[in-house]
Amino acid sequence: MGAAQKIIEGARKAANVEGFRSATDLLEERKSKKRLKIGVASLDDLIGGGFEPGAITEAFGEFGSGKTQIGHQLAVNVTLPENEGGLNGECAWLDSEGMFVPERIRQMAEAKKLDSGSIMSKIHVARAFNSQHQEIQVDKISEISKEHPIRLIVVDSLTAHFRAEYPGRGELAGRQQKLNTHIHSLLKIGSRIGAVIYVTNQVMASPGAMWGDPTRPIGGHILGHASAYRLYLRKSKAPKRIARLVDSPSLPEGEAVFSVTEEGITE
């Protein structure tokens, strides 16, 4: 076998290529997927019945809009059995901003009458101190998944380090290239192990917006195309928050209202 053929064969194995499949088969496969529920009916319905395994759900919004709180709730819920909205699995959490709060996990678990110690033992947290470290930590999820049933990957936040390390328009191309590679690594492992991928994203005010809401997510088209579901979170009268589905390849735009309380994400 020639060198070129070896490369092709290696690529096929790495990608687990099975050939073409009918759209009918793919539709049935999507229907059979068990989705991770947040526990608020309107929010679950907004994204098609829950958070989809193997796909990226991106949440963006200003500080305090509920992005990290949703991540905490999903980390608790993923440990539940499927008939209770969970995936009977565990969570890998990449923390780039020091926002993971174990006490919050305990509160949410106890609100559901769960053993908080058992729940916390199923949430594997790693700090990422720069973008390169963040990429390395994604590779480590593959190792963890060999011993633990990782069914949720949380990256909070996905873009903070890339934004800080590649400032200005002159660095934009390099930043987007690195971010693109990072996102595809997440998609590859999430698809392989059947894990929900939930990422939070920072926002900026668009200077060119003359009318309407000037808030825009970081990451540009790279992240926009990779995310199967884009949720814009914003504050309402406390403790209410509003989630708007602004982009999805298969679902219409819409809104859902939820609350952030001591017990967690609630109606």
C-alpha atoms as a PDB file:
ATOM      1  CA  MET A   1       0.000   0.000   0.000  1.00  0.00           C
ATOM      2  CA  GLY A   2       1.393   3.373  -1.056  1.00  0.00           C
ATOM      3  CA  ALA A   3       1.855   6.321   1.274  1.00  0.00           C
ATOM      4  CA  ALA A   4      -1.096   8.195  -0.224  1.00  0.00           C
ATOM      5  CA  GLN A   5      -3.378   5.178   0.171  1.00  0.00           C
ATOM      6  CA  LYS A   6      -2.302   4.767   3.795  1.00  0.00           C
ATOM      7  CA  ILE A   7      -3.241   8.374   4.486  1.00  0.00           C
ATOM      8  CA  ILE A   8      -6.651   7.856   2.892  1.00  0.00           C
ATOM      9  CA  GLU A   9      -7.274   4.646   4.828  1.00  0.00           C
ATOM     10  CA  GLY A  10      -6.192   6.319   8.066  1.00  0.00           C
ATOM     11  CA  ALA A  11      -8.558   9.195   7.440  1.00  0.00           C
ATOM     12  CA  ARG A  12     -11.411   6.794   6.777  1.00  0.00           C
ATOM     13  CA  LYS A  13     -10.807   4.949  10.015  1.00  0.00           C
ATOM     14  CA  ALA A  14     -10.432   8.165  11.996  1.00  0.00           C
ATOM     15  CA  ALA A  15     -13.693   9.511  10.643  1.00  0.00           C
ATOM     16  CA  ASN A  16     -15.446   6.158  11.005  1.00  0.00           C
ATOM     17  CA  VAL A  17     -16.774   6.504   7.449  1.00  0.00           C
ATOM     18  CA  GLU A  18     -19.667   4.148   6.769  1.00  0.00           C
ATOM     19  CA  GLY A  19     -20.679   5.406   3.327  1.00  0.00           C
ATOM     20  CA  PHE A  20     -23.902   7.082   2.267  1.00  0.00           C
ATOM     21  CA  ARG A  21     -27.119   6.667   4.226  1.00  0.00           C
ATOM     22  CA  SER A  22     -30.654   7.585   3.284  1.00  0.00           C
ATOM     23  CA  ALA A  23     -32.286  10.710   4.659  1.00  0.00           C
ATOM     24  CA  THR A  24     -34.982   8.439   6.104  1.00  0.00           C
ATOM     25  CA  ASP A  25     -32.412   6.537   8.160  1.00  0.00           C
ATOM     26  CA  LEU A  26     -30.880   9.767   9.415  1.00  0.00           C
ATOM     27  CA  LEU A  27     -34.292  11.130  10.386  1.00  0.00           C
ATOM     28  CA  GLU A  28     -35.118   7.988  12.338  1.00  0.00           C
ATOM     29  CA  GLU A  29     -31.752   8.160  14.075  1.00  0.00           C
ATOM     30  CA  ARG A  30     -32.396  11.764  15.123  1.00  0.00           C
ATOM     31  CA  LYS A  31     -35.848  10.862  16.395  1.00  0.00           C
ATOM     32  CA  SER A  32     -34.420   8.025  18.474  1.00  0.00           C
ATOM     33  CA  LYS A  33     -31.887  10.237  20.234  1.00  0.00           C
ATOM     34  CA  LYS A  34     -32.627  10.821  23.878  1.00  0.00           C
ATOM     35  CA  ARG A  35     -32.331  14.517  24.640  1.00  0.00           C
ATOM     36  CA  LEU A  36     -31.128  16.114  27.839  1.00  0.00           C
ATOM     37  CA  LYS A  37     -33.905  18.094  29.527  1.00  0.00           C
ATOM     38  CA  ILE A  38     -33.337  21.334  31.420  1.00  0.00           C
ATOM     39  CA  GLY A  39     -36.632  20.775  33.248  1.00  0.00           C
ATOM     40  CA  VAL A  40     -38.481  23.853  31.997  1.00  0.00           C
ATOM     41  CA  ALA A  41     -41.019  22.695  29.410  1.00  0.00           C
ATOM     42  CA  SER A  42     -41.043  25.908  27.367  1.00  0.00           C
ATOM     43  CA  LEU A  43     -37.233  26.018  27.165  1.00  0.00           C
ATOM     44  CA  ASP A  44     -36.942  22.331  26.267  1.00  0.00           C
ATOM     45  CA  ASP A  45     -39.631  22.746  23.596  1.00  0.00           C
ATOM     46  CA  LEU A  46     -37.846  25.797  22.195  1.00  0.00           C
ATOM     47  CA  ILE A  47     -34.885  23.643  21.151  1.00  0.00           C
ATOM     48  CA  GLY A  48     -36.836  20.671  19.899  1.00  0.00           C
ATOM     49  CA  GLY A  49     -37.478  18.729  23.088  1.00  0.00           C
ATOM     50  CA  GLY A  50     -34.210  19.194  24.944  1.00  0.00           C
ATOM     51  CA  PHE A  51     -30.486  19.532  24.345  1.00  0.00           C
ATOM     52  CA  GLU A  52     -29.346  17.347  21.455  1.00  0.00           C
ATOM     53  CA  PRO A  53     -26.396  14.929  21.834  1.00  0.00           C
ATOM     54  CA  GLY A  54     -23.637  15.345  19.282  1.00  0.00           C
ATOM     55  CA  ALA A  55     -24.585  18.963  18.560  1.00  0.00           C
ATOM     56  CA  ILE A  56     -23.450  22.333  19.877  1.00  0.00           C
ATOM     57  CA  THR A  57     -25.933  24.471  21.763  1.00  0.00           C
ATOM     58  CA  GLU A  58     -24.515  27.959  22.228  1.00  0.00           C
ATOM     59  CA  ALA A  59     -25.841  30.407  24.811  1.00  0.00           C
ATOM     60  CA  PHE A  60     -24.770  34.040  24.621  1.00  0.00           C
ATOM     61  CA  GLY A  61     -25.803  37.091  26.573  1.00  0.00           C
ATOM     62  CA  GLU A  62     -24.585  39.691  29.026  1.00  0.00           C
ATOM     63  CA  PHE A  63     -23.241  38.866  32.483  1.00  0.00           C
ATOM     64  CA  GLY A  64     -25.956  37.499  34.767  1.00  0.00           C
ATOM     65  CA  SER A  65     -28.269  36.384  31.972  1.00  0.00           C
ATOM     66  CA  GLY A  66     -28.179  32.743  33.083  1.00  0.00           C
ATOM     67  CA  LYS A  67     -25.615  31.146  30.763  1.00  0.00           C
ATOM     68  CA  THR A  68     -23.529  29.449  33.451  1.00  0.00           C
ATOM     69  CA  GLN A  69     -26.612  28.661  35.549  1.00  0.00           C
ATOM     70  CA  ILE A  70     -28.028  26.589  32.692  1.00  0.00           C
ATOM     71  CA  GLY A  71     -24.701  24.756  32.505  1.00  0.00           C
ATOM     72  CA  HIS A  72     -24.852  23.937  36.218  1.00  0.00           C
ATOM     73  CA  GLN A  73     -28.410  22.642  35.866  1.00  0.00           C
ATOM     74  CA  LEU A  74     -27.512  20.482  32.871  1.00  0.00           C
ATOM     75  CA  ALA A  75     -24.540  19.054  34.783  1.00  0.00           C
ATOM     76  CA  VAL A  76     -26.928  17.899  37.512  1.00  0.00           C
ATOM     77  CA  ASN A  77     -29.641  16.714  35.143  1.00  0.00           C
ATOM     78  CA  VAL A  78     -27.352  14.645  32.905  1.00  0.00           C
ATOM     79  CA  THR A  79     -26.825  12.217  35.808  1.00  0.00           C
ATOM     80  CA  LEU A  80     -30.542  11.430  35.968  1.00  0.00           C
ATOM     81  CA  PRO A  81     -32.039   8.357  34.259  1.00  0.00           C
ATOM     82  CA  GLU A  82     -33.512   8.837  30.803  1.00  0.00           C
ATOM     83  CA  ASN A  83     -37.096   8.546  32.032  1.00  0.00           C
ATOM     84  CA  GLU A  84     -36.461  11.605  34.226  1.00  0.00           C
ATOM     85  CA  GLY A  85     -34.976  13.725  31.446  1.00  0.00           C
ATOM     86  CA  GLY A  86     -31.327  12.830  31.986  1.00  0.00           C
ATOM     87  CA  LEU A  87     -28.876  10.693  30.039  1.00  0.00           C
ATOM     88  CA  ASN A  88     -27.687   8.505  32.918  1.00  0.00           C
ATOM     89  CA  GLY A  89     -24.220   9.932  32.392  1.00  0.00           C
ATOM     90  CA  GLU A  90     -21.560  12.293  33.635  1.00  0.00           C
ATOM     91  CA  CYS A  91     -20.266  15.747  32.739  1.00  0.00           C
ATOM     92  CA  ALA A  92     -16.903  17.136  31.595  1.00  0.00           C
ATOM     93  CA  TRP A  93     -16.696  20.877  32.330  1.00  0.00           C
ATOM     94  CA  LEU A  94     -14.017  23.172  30.877  1.00  0.00           C
ATOM     95  CA  ASP A  95     -13.850  26.324  32.976  1.00  0.00           C
ATOM     96  CA  SER A  96     -12.028  29.222  31.310  1.00  0.00           C
ATOM     97  CA  GLU A  97     -13.269  32.010  33.590  1.00  0.00           C
ATOM     98  CA  GLY A  98     -13.450  30.428  37.042  1.00  0.00           C
ATOM     99  CA  MET A  99     -17.246  30.462  37.040  1.00  0.00           C
ATOM    100  CA  PHE A 100     -17.895  26.843  38.030  1.00  0.00           C
ATOM    101  CA  VAL A 101     -19.357  26.818  41.557  1.00  0.00           C
ATOM    102  CA  PRO A 102     -19.604  23.403  43.288  1.00  0.00           C
ATOM    103  CA  GLU A 103     -21.843  24.895  45.978  1.00  0.00           C
ATOM    104  CA  ARG A 104     -24.340  25.701  43.234  1.00  0.00           C
ATOM    105  CA  ILE A 105     -24.318  22.075  42.122  1.00  0.00           C
ATOM    106  CA  ARG A 106     -25.039  21.025  45.694  1.00  0.00           C
ATOM    107  CA  GLN A 107     -27.978  23.441  45.919  1.00  0.00           C
ATOM    108  CA  MET A 108     -29.500  22.203  42.683  1.00  0.00           C
ATOM    109  CA  ALA A 109     -28.982  18.541  43.556  1.00  0.00           C
ATOM    110  CA  GLU A 110     -30.528  18.908  47.000  1.00  0.00           C
ATOM    111  CA  ALA A 111     -33.492  20.764  45.505  1.00  0.00           C
ATOM    112  CA  LYS A 112     -34.165  17.595  43.513  1.00  0.00           C
ATOM    113  CA  LYS A 113     -33.693  15.418  46.642  1.00  0.00           C
ATOM    114  CA  LEU A 114     -30.541  13.906  45.141  1.00  0.00           C
ATOM    115  CA  ASP A 115     -27.311  12.855  46.830  1.00  0.00           C
ATOM    116  CA  SER A 116     -25.207  15.943  46.149  1.00  0.00           C
ATOM    117  CA  GLY A 117     -21.947  14.121  46.903  1.00  0.00           C
ATOM    118  CA  SER A 118     -22.727  11.476  44.307  1.00  0.00           C
ATOM    119  CA  ILE A 119     -23.714  14.104  41.754  1.00  0.00           C
ATOM    120  CA  MET A 120     -20.532  16.139  42.259  1.00  0.00           C
ATOM    121  CA  SER A 121     -18.390  13.027  41.839  1.00  0.00           C
ATOM    122  CA  LYS A 122     -19.836  12.700  38.322  1.00  0.00           C
ATOM    123  CA  ILE A 123     -18.865  16.222  37.237  1.00  0.00           C
ATOM    124  CA  HIS A 124     -15.244  16.417  36.083  1.00  0.00           C
ATOM    125  CA  VAL A 125     -13.941  19.996  36.048  1.00  0.00           C
ATOM    126  CA  ALA A 126     -10.755  21.352  34.487  1.00  0.00           C
ATOM    127  CA  ARG A 127      -9.539  24.943  34.410  1.00  0.00           C
ATOM    128  CA  ALA A 128      -8.230  26.319  31.131  1.00  0.00           C
ATOM    129  CA  PHE A 129      -5.758  29.166  31.601  1.00  0.00           C
ATOM    130  CA  ASN A 130      -5.225  30.069  27.937  1.00  0.00           C
ATOM    131  CA  SER A 131      -6.532  29.004  24.534  1.00  0.00           C
ATOM    132  CA  GLN A 132      -3.831  26.381  24.000  1.00  0.00           C
ATOM    133  CA  HIS A 133      -4.522  24.881  27.411  1.00  0.00           C
ATOM    134  CA  GLN A 134      -8.219  24.846  26.558  1.00  0.00           C
ATOM    135  CA  GLU A 135      -7.513  22.846  23.396  1.00  0.00           C
ATOM    136  CA  ILE A 136      -5.418  20.356  25.364  1.00  0.00           C
ATOM    137  CA  GLN A 137      -8.202  19.884  27.892  1.00  0.00           C
ATOM    138  CA  VAL A 138     -10.598  18.921  25.085  1.00  0.00           C
ATOM    139  CA  ASP A 139      -8.215  16.127  24.116  1.00  0.00           C
ATOM    140  CA  LYS A 140      -8.266  14.920  27.718  1.00  0.00           C
ATOM    141  CA  ILE A 141     -12.033  14.463  27.532  1.00  0.00           C
ATOM    142  CA  SER A 142     -11.351  11.525  25.201  1.00  0.00           C
ATOM    143  CA  GLU A 143      -9.264   9.914  27.925  1.00  0.00           C
ATOM    144  CA  ILE A 144     -11.877  10.548  30.617  1.00  0.00           C
ATOM    145  CA  SER A 145     -14.631   9.100  28.431  1.00  0.00           C
ATOM    146  CA  LYS A 146     -12.863   5.726  28.382  1.00  0.00           C
ATOM    147  CA  GLU A 147     -13.576   5.313  32.093  1.00  0.00           C
ATOM    148  CA  HIS A 148     -16.633   7.527  32.596  1.00  0.00           C
ATOM    149  CA  PRO A 149     -19.878   7.794  30.580  1.00  0.00           C
ATOM    150  CA  ILE A 150     -19.469  11.445  29.586  1.00  0.00           C
ATOM    151  CA  ARG A 151     -22.787  12.595  28.127  1.00  0.00           C
ATOM    152  CA  LEU A 152     -22.376  16.345  28.595  1.00  0.00           C
ATOM    153  CA  ILE A 153     -19.508  18.656  27.682  1.00  0.00           C
ATOM    154  CA  VAL A 154     -19.717  22.216  29.005  1.00  0.00           C
ATOM    155  CA  VAL A 155     -17.275  24.908  27.883  1.00  0.00           C
ATOM    156  CA  ASP A 156     -17.733  28.098  29.911  1.00  0.00           C
ATOM    157  CA  SER A 157     -16.805  30.214  28.125  1.00  0.00           C
ATOM    158  CA  LEU A 158     -15.753  29.052  24.698  1.00  0.00           C
ATOM    159  CA  THR A 159     -14.422  32.367  23.424  1.00  0.00           C
ATOM    160  CA  ALA A 160     -12.935  34.241  26.419  1.00  0.00           C
ATOM    161  CA  HIS A 161      -9.297  33.212  25.927  1.00  0.00           C
ATOM    162  CA  PHE A 162      -9.395  33.516  22.132  1.00  0.00           C
ATOM    163  CA  ARG A 163     -10.841  37.002  22.453  1.00  0.00           C
ATOM    164  CA  ALA A 164      -8.163  38.088  24.933  1.00  0.00           C
ATOM    165  CA  GLU A 165      -5.208  36.559  23.100  1.00  0.00           C
ATOM    166  CA  TYR A 166      -6.108  37.713  19.588  1.00  0.00           C
ATOM    167  CA  PRO A 167      -7.231  41.357  19.979  1.00  0.00           C
ATOM    168  CA  GLY A 168      -7.829  43.710  17.092  1.00  0.00           C
ATOM    169  CA  ARG A 169      -8.677  43.203  13.443  1.00  0.00           C
ATOM    170  CA  GLY A 170      -5.110  42.276  12.592  1.00  0.00           C
ATOM    171  CA  GLU A 171      -5.406  39.150  14.727  1.00  0.00           C
ATOM    172  CA  LEU A 172      -8.903  38.195  13.553  1.00  0.00           C
ATOM    173  CA  ALA A 173      -7.905  35.648  10.905  1.00  0.00           C
ATOM    174  CA  GLY A 174      -5.588  33.794  13.299  1.00  0.00           C
ATOM    175  CA  ARG A 175      -8.186  33.800  16.046  1.00  0.00           C
ATOM    176  CA  GLN A 176     -10.908  32.449  13.797  1.00  0.00           C
ATOM    177  CA  GLN A 177      -8.660  29.696  12.480  1.00  0.00           C
ATOM    178  CA  LYS A 178      -7.753  28.562  15.994  1.00  0.00           C
ATOM    179  CA  LEU A 179     -11.354  28.793  17.133  1.00  0.00           C
ATOM    180  CA  ASN A 180     -12.505  26.768  14.132  1.00  0.00           C
ATOM    181  CA  THR A 181     -10.076  23.961  14.961  1.00  0.00           C
ATOM    182  CA  HIS A 182     -11.163  23.997  18.597  1.00  0.00           C
ATOM    183  CA  ILE A 183     -14.868  23.844  17.726  1.00  0.00           C
ATOM    184  CA  HIS A 184     -14.393  20.934  15.363  1.00  0.00           C
ATOM    185  CA  SER A 185     -12.465  19.023  18.029  1.00  0.00           C
ATOM    186  CA  LEU A 186     -15.449  19.471  20.340  1.00  0.00           C
ATOM    187  CA  LEU A 187     -17.865  18.321  17.645  1.00  0.00           C
ATOM    188  CA  LYS A 188     -15.760  15.297  16.831  1.00  0.00           C
ATOM    189  CA  ILE A 189     -15.578  13.988  20.385  1.00  0.00           C
ATOM    190  CA  GLY A 190     -19.166  14.956  21.197  1.00  0.00           C
ATOM    191  CA  SER A 191     -20.423  13.046  18.182  1.00  0.00           C
ATOM    192  CA  ARG A 192     -18.249  10.028  18.936  1.00  0.00           C
ATOM    193  CA  ILE A 193     -19.349   9.613  22.563  1.00  0.00           C
ATOM    194  CA  GLY A 194     -22.915  10.881  22.127  1.00  0.00           C
ATOM    195  CA  ALA A 195     -22.520  13.892  24.399  1.00  0.00           C
ATOM    196  CA  VAL A 196     -24.461  17.137  24.496  1.00  0.00           C
ATOM    197  CA  ILE A 197     -22.108  20.066  23.848  1.00  0.00           C
ATOM    198  CA  TYR A 198     -23.167  23.210  25.689  1.00  0.00           C
ATOM    199  CA  VAL A 199     -20.984  26.282  25.266  1.00  0.00           C
ATOM    200  CA  THR A 200     -21.344  29.804  26.594  1.00  0.00           C
ATOM    201  CA  ASN A 201     -20.236  32.799  24.615  1.00  0.00           C
ATOM    202  CA  GLN A 202     -19.372  36.407  25.352  1.00  0.00           C
ATOM    203  CA  VAL A 203     -21.037  39.330  23.615  1.00  0.00           C
ATOM    204  CA  MET A 204     -20.142  42.739  22.292  1.00  0.00           C
ATOM    205  CA  ALA A 205     -22.078  45.803  21.163  1.00  0.00           C
ATOM    206  CA  SER A 206     -22.097  46.148  17.397  1.00  0.00           C
ATOM    207  CA  PRO A 207     -21.082  49.744  16.517  1.00  0.00           C
ATOM    208  CA  GLY A 208     -22.863  49.507  13.167  1.00  0.00           C
ATOM    209  CA  ALA A 209     -26.277  48.704  14.630  1.00  0.00           C
ATOM    210  CA  MET A 210     -28.501  51.715  14.043  1.00  0.00           C
ATOM    211  CA  TRP A 211     -31.759  50.155  15.245  1.00  0.00           C
ATOM    212  CA  GLY A 212     -32.740  47.277  17.481  1.00  0.00           C
ATOM    213  CA  ASP A 213     -30.582  45.358  19.932  1.00  0.00           C
ATOM    214  CA  PRO A 214     -26.848  45.967  19.253  1.00  0.00           C
ATOM    215  CA  THR A 215     -25.763  42.878  21.232  1.00  0.00           C
ATOM    216  CA  ARG A 216     -23.781  40.430  19.099  1.00  0.00           C
ATOM    217  CA  PRO A 217     -22.040  37.148  20.020  1.00  0.00           C
ATOM    218  CA  ILE A 218     -18.276  36.759  19.703  1.00  0.00           C
ATOM    219  CA  GLY A 219     -16.961  34.203  17.216  1.00  0.00           C
ATOM    220  CA  GLY A 220     -18.498  35.418  13.984  1.00  0.00           C
ATOM    221  CA  HIS A 221     -19.613  33.028  11.278  1.00  0.00           C
ATOM    222  CA  ILE A 222     -17.281  30.264  12.465  1.00  0.00           C
ATOM    223  CA  LEU A 223     -19.245  29.678  15.640  1.00  0.00           C
ATOM    224  CA  GLY A 224     -22.552  30.606  14.030  1.00  0.00           C
ATOM    225  CA  HIS A 225     -22.268  27.847  11.439  1.00  0.00           C
ATOM    226  CA  ALA A 226     -21.052  25.253  13.955  1.00  0.00           C
ATOM    227  CA  SER A 227     -23.833  25.808  16.506  1.00  0.00           C
ATOM    228  CA  ALA A 228     -26.977  23.769  15.892  1.00  0.00           C
ATOM    229  CA  TYR A 229     -28.854  25.931  18.386  1.00  0.00           C
ATOM    230  CA  ARG A 230     -28.041  29.550  19.287  1.00  0.00           C
ATOM    231  CA  LEU A 231     -29.758  30.908  22.385  1.00  0.00           C
ATOM    232  CA  TYR A 232     -29.702  34.604  23.191  1.00  0.00           C
ATOM    233  CA  LEU A 233     -30.287  35.015  26.920  1.00  0.00           C
ATOM    234  CA  ARG A 234     -31.297  38.286  28.496  1.00  0.00           C
ATOM    235  CA  LYS A 235     -32.496  39.509  31.847  1.00  0.00           C
ATOM    236  CA  SER A 236     -36.101  40.256  32.677  1.00  0.00           C
ATOM    237  CA  LYS A 237     -37.689  41.157  36.014  1.00  0.00           C
ATOM    238  CA  ALA A 238     -35.844  39.050  38.615  1.00  0.00           C
ATOM    239  CA  PRO A 239     -35.715  36.089  38.805  1.00  0.00           C
ATOM    240  CA  LYS A 240     -36.988  35.784  35.220  1.00  0.00           C
ATOM    241  CA  ARG A 241     -34.790  35.366  32.170  1.00  0.00           C
ATOM    242  CA  ILE A 242     -35.736  35.223  28.505  1.00  0.00           C
ATOM    243  CA  ALA A 243     -34.183  32.749  26.075  1.00  0.00           C
ATOM    244  CA  ARG A 244     -34.568  33.447  22.383  1.00  0.00           C
ATOM    245  CA  LEU A 245     -33.682  30.843  19.764  1.00  0.00           C
ATOM    246  CA  VAL A 246     -32.064  33.040  17.131  1.00  0.00           C
ATOM    247  CA  ASP A 247     -30.722  30.336  14.824  1.00  0.00           C
ATOM    248  CA  SER A 248     -31.293  26.650  14.139  1.00  0.00           C
ATOM    249  CA  PRO A 249     -31.232  24.654  10.890  1.00  0.00           C
ATOM    250  CA  SER A 250     -34.525  22.916  11.676  1.00  0.00           C
ATOM    251  CA  LEU A 251     -36.479  25.054  14.144  1.00  0.00           C
ATOM    252  CA  PRO A 252     -38.183  28.453  13.933  1.00  0.00           C
ATOM    253  CA  GLU A 253     -37.190  31.419  16.041  1.00  0.00           C
ATOM    254  CA  GLY A 254     -39.019  31.698  19.320  1.00  0.00           C
ATOM    255  CA  GLU A 255     -38.763  32.623  22.988  1.00  0.00           C
ATOM    256  CA  ALA A 256     -39.113  30.932  26.350  1.00  0.00           C
ATOM    257  CA  VAL A 257     -39.189  32.388  29.844  1.00  0.00           C
ATOM    258  CA  PHE A 258     -37.422  30.702  32.762  1.00  0.00           C
ATOM    259  CA  SER A 259     -36.331  31.613  36.279  1.00  0.00           C
ATOM    260  CA  VAL A 260     -32.971  31.391  38.034  1.00  0.00           C
ATOM    261  CA  THR A 261     -33.673  30.572  41.676  1.00  0.00           C
ATOM    262  CA  GLU A 262     -31.866  28.974  44.596  1.00  0.00           C
ATOM    263  CA  GLU A 263     -33.349  25.637  43.508  1.00  0.00           C
ATOM    264  CA  GLY A 264     -31.940  26.015  40.001  1.00  0.00           C
ATOM    265  CA  ILE A 265     -33.481  26.638  36.592  1.00  0.00           C
ATOM    266  CA  THR A 266     -37.244  26.628  37.077  1.00  0.00           C
ATOM    267  CA  GLU A 267     -40.459  27.720  35.360  1.00  0.00           C
END
